[in-house]
Amino acid sequence: MRLRRELVVVVALLVVIGALARTSAGRFVLPLVAVGVAASLGYLLFKTPAYSRTTLGPRTRLLESAPSATDATCVECDAPATTVRHYVREWVILGVPVVLLDDGRNPVCDEHRD
């Protein structure tokens, strides 16, 4: 399934490049696009990915951190919060988050971390 999806993306890109190469604007645009793609790929290769490089579609991440406010209380039991969970729902293309669909923060205590 994943290989089929990647093949469809590659074929679509080749069709667009082929159509652009047949125009006079292609001689100016294609080298700029190639430099932009090479720079973007170089940046992505050195950046720690949020998702695997083959991820496509809506995905959810959970990030945990210590609470910045000392008066944060657990959303389940009103005890002092020890962790803040930040959830992020994003639309991902080839492992890169493109659109933020939803996000929020939930302070939780140690008993409700699971």
Protein backbone atom coordinates (compact mmCIF):
# COMPACT_ATOMS: atom_id res chain seq x y z
CA MET A 1 0.00 0.00 0.00
CA ARG A 2 2.73 2.46 0.96
CA LEU A 3 4.74 1.68 -2.18
CA ARG A 4 1.67 2.26 -4.36
CA ARG A 5 1.06 5.65 -2.75
CA GLU A 6 4.68 6.70 -3.24
CA LEU A 7 4.56 5.57 -6.87
CA VAL A 8 1.45 7.69 -7.50
CA VAL A 9 3.18 10.76 -6.03
CA VAL A 10 6.28 10.23 -8.16
CA VAL A 11 4.25 9.75 -11.36
CA ALA A 12 2.19 12.88 -10.65
CA LEU A 13 5.36 14.93 -10.11
CA LEU A 14 6.88 13.62 -13.33
CA VAL A 15 3.72 14.55 -15.28
CA VAL A 16 3.82 18.11 -13.91
CA ILE A 17 7.54 18.46 -14.67
CA GLY A 18 7.05 17.07 -18.18
CA ALA A 19 4.23 19.51 -18.90
CA LEU A 20 6.29 22.42 -17.58
CA ALA A 21 9.39 21.41 -19.53
CA ARG A 22 7.50 21.79 -22.82
CA THR A 23 6.90 25.49 -22.23
CA SER A 24 9.34 28.37 -22.62
CA ALA A 25 8.78 29.33 -18.98
CA GLY A 26 10.09 25.90 -18.00
CA ARG A 27 13.67 26.91 -18.83
CA PHE A 28 13.49 29.58 -16.14
CA VAL A 29 11.18 27.91 -13.63
CA LEU A 30 12.59 24.38 -13.54
CA PRO A 31 16.12 25.35 -12.38
CA LEU A 32 14.60 27.50 -9.61
CA VAL A 33 12.32 24.66 -8.56
CA ALA A 34 15.25 22.23 -8.58
CA VAL A 35 17.33 24.48 -6.32
CA GLY A 36 14.35 24.95 -3.99
CA VAL A 37 13.69 21.22 -3.79
CA ALA A 38 17.36 20.45 -3.15
CA ALA A 39 17.54 23.07 -0.37
CA SER A 40 14.30 21.79 1.20
CA LEU A 41 15.47 18.18 1.14
CA GLY A 42 18.78 19.17 2.70
CA TYR A 43 16.96 20.99 5.48
CA LEU A 44 14.58 18.07 6.11
CA LEU A 45 17.40 15.51 6.23
CA PHE A 46 19.11 17.33 9.11
CA LYS A 47 15.90 18.08 11.01
CA THR A 48 14.49 15.53 13.46
CA PRO A 49 11.23 14.31 11.90
CA ALA A 50 7.94 14.52 13.75
CA TYR A 51 6.67 11.51 11.79
CA SER A 52 8.23 8.86 9.57
CA ARG A 53 9.06 10.07 6.06
CA THR A 54 6.29 7.97 4.50
CA THR A 55 3.45 9.27 6.72
CA LEU A 56 0.48 10.73 4.85
CA GLY A 57 -2.85 12.00 6.19
CA PRO A 58 -4.17 13.20 9.55
CA ARG A 59 -2.02 12.20 12.55
CA THR A 60 -1.97 13.02 16.29
CA ARG A 61 1.10 13.66 18.46
CA LEU A 62 1.33 13.92 22.24
CA LEU A 63 4.08 16.08 23.72
CA GLU A 64 4.70 16.12 27.46
CA SER A 65 6.38 18.84 29.51
CA ALA A 66 6.56 20.09 33.08
CA PRO A 67 3.86 22.62 34.03
CA SER A 68 5.06 26.22 33.84
CA ALA A 69 2.47 27.46 36.35
CA THR A 70 2.67 26.16 39.90
CA ASP A 71 -1.11 26.40 40.34
CA ALA A 72 -1.94 24.00 37.46
CA THR A 73 -4.42 21.31 38.48
CA CYS A 74 -5.21 17.94 36.96
CA VAL A 75 -8.17 17.96 34.57
CA GLU A 76 -9.39 14.64 36.00
CA CYS A 77 -9.18 15.05 39.80
CA ASP A 78 -8.11 18.65 40.61
CA ALA A 79 -4.85 17.47 42.23
CA PRO A 80 -1.66 19.45 41.50
CA ALA A 81 -0.53 18.71 37.95
CA THR A 82 2.92 17.20 37.42
CA THR A 83 2.80 17.01 33.62
CA VAL A 84 1.22 19.05 30.83
CA ARG A 85 0.20 17.04 27.78
CA HIS A 86 0.08 19.05 24.58
CA TYR A 87 -1.81 17.21 21.85
CA VAL A 88 -1.49 18.21 18.21
CA ARG A 89 -3.63 16.86 15.36
CA GLU A 90 -2.05 17.65 11.99
CA TRP A 91 -2.35 16.83 8.31
CA VAL A 92 0.97 15.28 7.28
CA ILE A 93 2.49 14.86 3.81
CA LEU A 94 5.62 12.72 3.51
CA GLY A 95 6.31 13.10 7.23
CA VAL A 96 6.04 16.90 7.23
CA PRO A 97 3.14 18.52 9.15
CA VAL A 98 1.41 20.84 6.68
CA VAL A 99 -1.87 21.89 8.34
CA LEU A 100 -2.71 22.13 12.04
CA LEU A 101 -6.17 20.61 12.52
CA ASP A 102 -6.50 20.83 16.31
CA ASP A 103 -4.38 21.33 19.40
CA GLY A 104 -4.73 21.76 23.13
CA ARG A 105 -3.16 21.36 26.56
CA ASN A 106 -4.20 19.05 29.37
CA PRO A 107 -2.45 19.26 32.76
CA VAL A 108 -2.49 15.87 34.51
CA CYS A 109 -1.20 14.39 37.77
CA ASP A 110 0.93 11.25 38.08
CA GLU A 111 -2.12 9.04 38.71
CA HIS A 112 -3.78 10.03 35.41
CA ARG A 113 -0.74 9.98 33.12
CA ASP A 114 -1.56 6.51 31.75
